[in-house]
Amino acid sequence: METVDQFVNELIKLIPELNKFFEGTRNYWYPKNAPLTLFFSDLAREIIELNVVDDLKIKLFSIIELGVSSSREELGCAVATGFLETYYFTLEDNGKIDDFFWKIVGEKSKQHIVGLKSYYDGN
């Protein structure tokens, strides 16, 4: 996945309810674009609030892994630091990190989370 638009379009195809979020964000920031990390952080919160079913979460994290692994550094960094960190820490703060989460998260995403947790835990 090379562009933010491609990434967003894949998410909308998977979860059409996100279109309202994207339109609202676009209108709020118009004529500029939302800062990517902030945009992806807000997106993570939106997806958590939607409480999508497990089958969609599996597909969602396949797309997230493509974003994190993007050869376009700006996209990969924003998805990792914006979406992934917000999603993980929001769930962790609410005691909702479980084995299912670790099964669906991709390898590069998992490495990012584990490295970040290690940093925060002082290891």
Protein backbone atom coordinates (compact mmCIF):
# COMPACT_ATOMS: atom_id res chain seq x y z
CA MET A 1 0.00 0.00 0.00
CA GLU A 2 1.65 3.17 -1.17
CA THR A 3 -0.68 6.08 -0.54
CA VAL A 4 -2.88 7.27 2.27
CA ASP A 5 -5.83 7.40 -0.14
CA GLN A 6 -5.35 3.75 -1.11
CA PHE A 7 -5.14 2.81 2.55
CA VAL A 8 -8.27 4.78 3.45
CA ASN A 9 -10.19 3.34 0.50
CA GLU A 10 -9.37 -0.19 1.64
CA LEU A 11 -10.67 0.62 5.12
CA ILE A 12 -13.90 2.10 3.74
CA LYS A 13 -14.44 -0.99 1.59
CA LEU A 14 -14.05 -3.15 4.67
CA ILE A 15 -16.05 -0.96 7.08
CA PRO A 16 -18.40 1.35 5.14
CA GLU A 17 -19.50 3.07 8.38
CA LEU A 18 -16.08 4.75 8.41
CA ASN A 19 -17.04 6.92 5.45
CA LYS A 20 -18.91 9.28 7.80
CA PHE A 21 -15.76 9.60 9.96
CA PHE A 22 -13.58 10.30 6.92
CA GLU A 23 -15.97 12.91 5.56
CA GLY A 24 -16.24 14.62 8.94
CA THR A 25 -12.47 14.72 9.32
CA ARG A 26 -12.00 16.02 5.80
CA ASN A 27 -14.58 18.77 6.35
CA TYR A 28 -13.10 19.74 9.73
CA TRP A 29 -9.59 20.21 8.37
CA TYR A 30 -10.54 21.64 4.95
CA PRO A 31 -8.79 23.17 3.04
CA LYS A 32 -5.80 21.41 4.59
CA ASN A 33 -5.39 17.74 5.40
CA ALA A 34 -5.45 16.42 8.94
CA PRO A 35 -2.01 15.64 10.37
CA LEU A 36 -1.56 11.95 9.57
CA THR A 37 -0.68 10.70 13.04
CA LEU A 38 -3.62 12.55 14.57
CA PHE A 39 -5.90 11.30 11.80
CA PHE A 40 -4.92 7.67 12.39
CA SER A 41 -5.21 8.06 16.15
CA ASP A 42 -8.76 9.37 15.78
CA LEU A 43 -9.48 6.54 13.34
CA ALA A 44 -8.40 3.95 15.91
CA ARG A 45 -10.78 5.43 18.48
CA GLU A 46 -13.59 5.45 15.92
CA ILE A 47 -13.07 1.78 15.09
CA ILE A 48 -13.00 0.85 18.77
CA GLU A 49 -16.30 2.71 19.26
CA LEU A 50 -17.83 0.87 16.29
CA ASN A 51 -17.06 -2.40 18.10
CA VAL A 52 -16.60 -4.33 14.86
CA VAL A 53 -17.06 -8.10 14.82
CA ASP A 54 -14.06 -10.40 15.04
CA ASP A 55 -14.16 -11.38 11.35
CA LEU A 56 -13.79 -7.72 10.41
CA LYS A 57 -11.02 -7.22 12.96
CA ILE A 58 -9.02 -10.00 11.30
CA LYS A 59 -9.35 -8.27 7.91
CA LEU A 60 -8.77 -4.86 9.49
CA PHE A 61 -5.45 -5.88 10.97
CA SER A 62 -4.35 -7.34 7.64
CA ILE A 63 -4.86 -3.88 6.18
CA ILE A 64 -3.16 -2.24 9.17
CA GLU A 65 -0.16 -4.52 8.65
CA LEU A 66 0.04 -3.42 5.01
CA GLY A 67 0.06 0.20 6.20
CA VAL A 68 2.69 -0.39 8.87
CA SER A 69 4.82 -2.28 6.31
CA SER A 70 4.41 0.32 3.58
CA SER A 71 7.52 1.27 1.65
CA ARG A 72 6.26 4.83 2.02
CA GLU A 73 7.76 5.79 5.37
CA GLU A 74 5.24 8.56 6.05
CA LEU A 75 2.32 6.12 5.81
CA GLY A 76 4.02 3.33 7.75
CA CYS A 77 5.07 5.62 10.58
CA ALA A 78 1.67 7.32 10.83
CA VAL A 79 -0.22 4.01 10.91
CA ALA A 80 2.15 2.59 13.54
CA THR A 81 2.33 5.63 15.79
CA GLY A 82 -1.17 6.94 15.19
CA PHE A 83 -3.48 3.97 14.69
CA LEU A 84 -1.64 1.04 16.22
CA GLU A 85 -0.44 2.75 19.39
CA THR A 86 -3.82 4.37 20.06
CA TYR A 87 -5.71 1.15 19.39
CA TYR A 88 -3.42 -0.95 21.56
CA PHE A 89 -3.15 1.43 24.51
CA THR A 90 -6.88 2.21 24.50
CA LEU A 91 -7.65 -1.51 24.71
CA GLU A 92 -4.93 -2.05 27.30
CA ASP A 93 -6.23 0.80 29.46
CA ASN A 94 -9.65 -0.87 29.40
CA GLY A 95 -8.31 -4.38 30.12
CA LYS A 96 -9.31 -5.63 26.67
CA ILE A 97 -6.01 -6.93 25.29
CA ASP A 98 -6.44 -10.67 24.92
CA ASP A 99 -5.04 -13.64 23.01
CA PHE A 100 -7.28 -12.85 20.04
CA PHE A 101 -5.62 -9.44 19.63
CA TRP A 102 -2.17 -11.01 19.53
CA LYS A 103 -3.38 -13.60 16.98
CA ILE A 104 -4.73 -11.04 14.52
CA VAL A 105 -2.03 -8.38 14.71
CA GLY A 106 0.65 -8.71 12.02
CA GLU A 107 4.30 -9.41 12.70
CA LYS A 108 5.64 -5.91 12.04
CA SER A 109 2.78 -4.40 14.07
CA LYS A 110 3.51 -6.81 16.90
CA GLN A 111 7.19 -5.86 16.85
CA HIS A 112 6.24 -2.20 17.06
CA ILE A 113 3.95 -2.74 20.05
CA VAL A 114 6.40 -4.99 21.90
CA GLY A 115 9.23 -2.53 21.32
CA LEU A 116 7.12 0.37 22.50
CA LYS A 117 5.95 -1.49 25.60
CA SER A 118 9.55 -2.44 26.37
CA TYR A 119 10.55 1.22 26.10
CA TYR A 120 7.74 2.37 28.40
CA ASP A 121 8.36 -0.45 30.85
CA GLY A 122 12.06 0.47 30.97
CA ASN A 123 13.32 -2.85 29.61
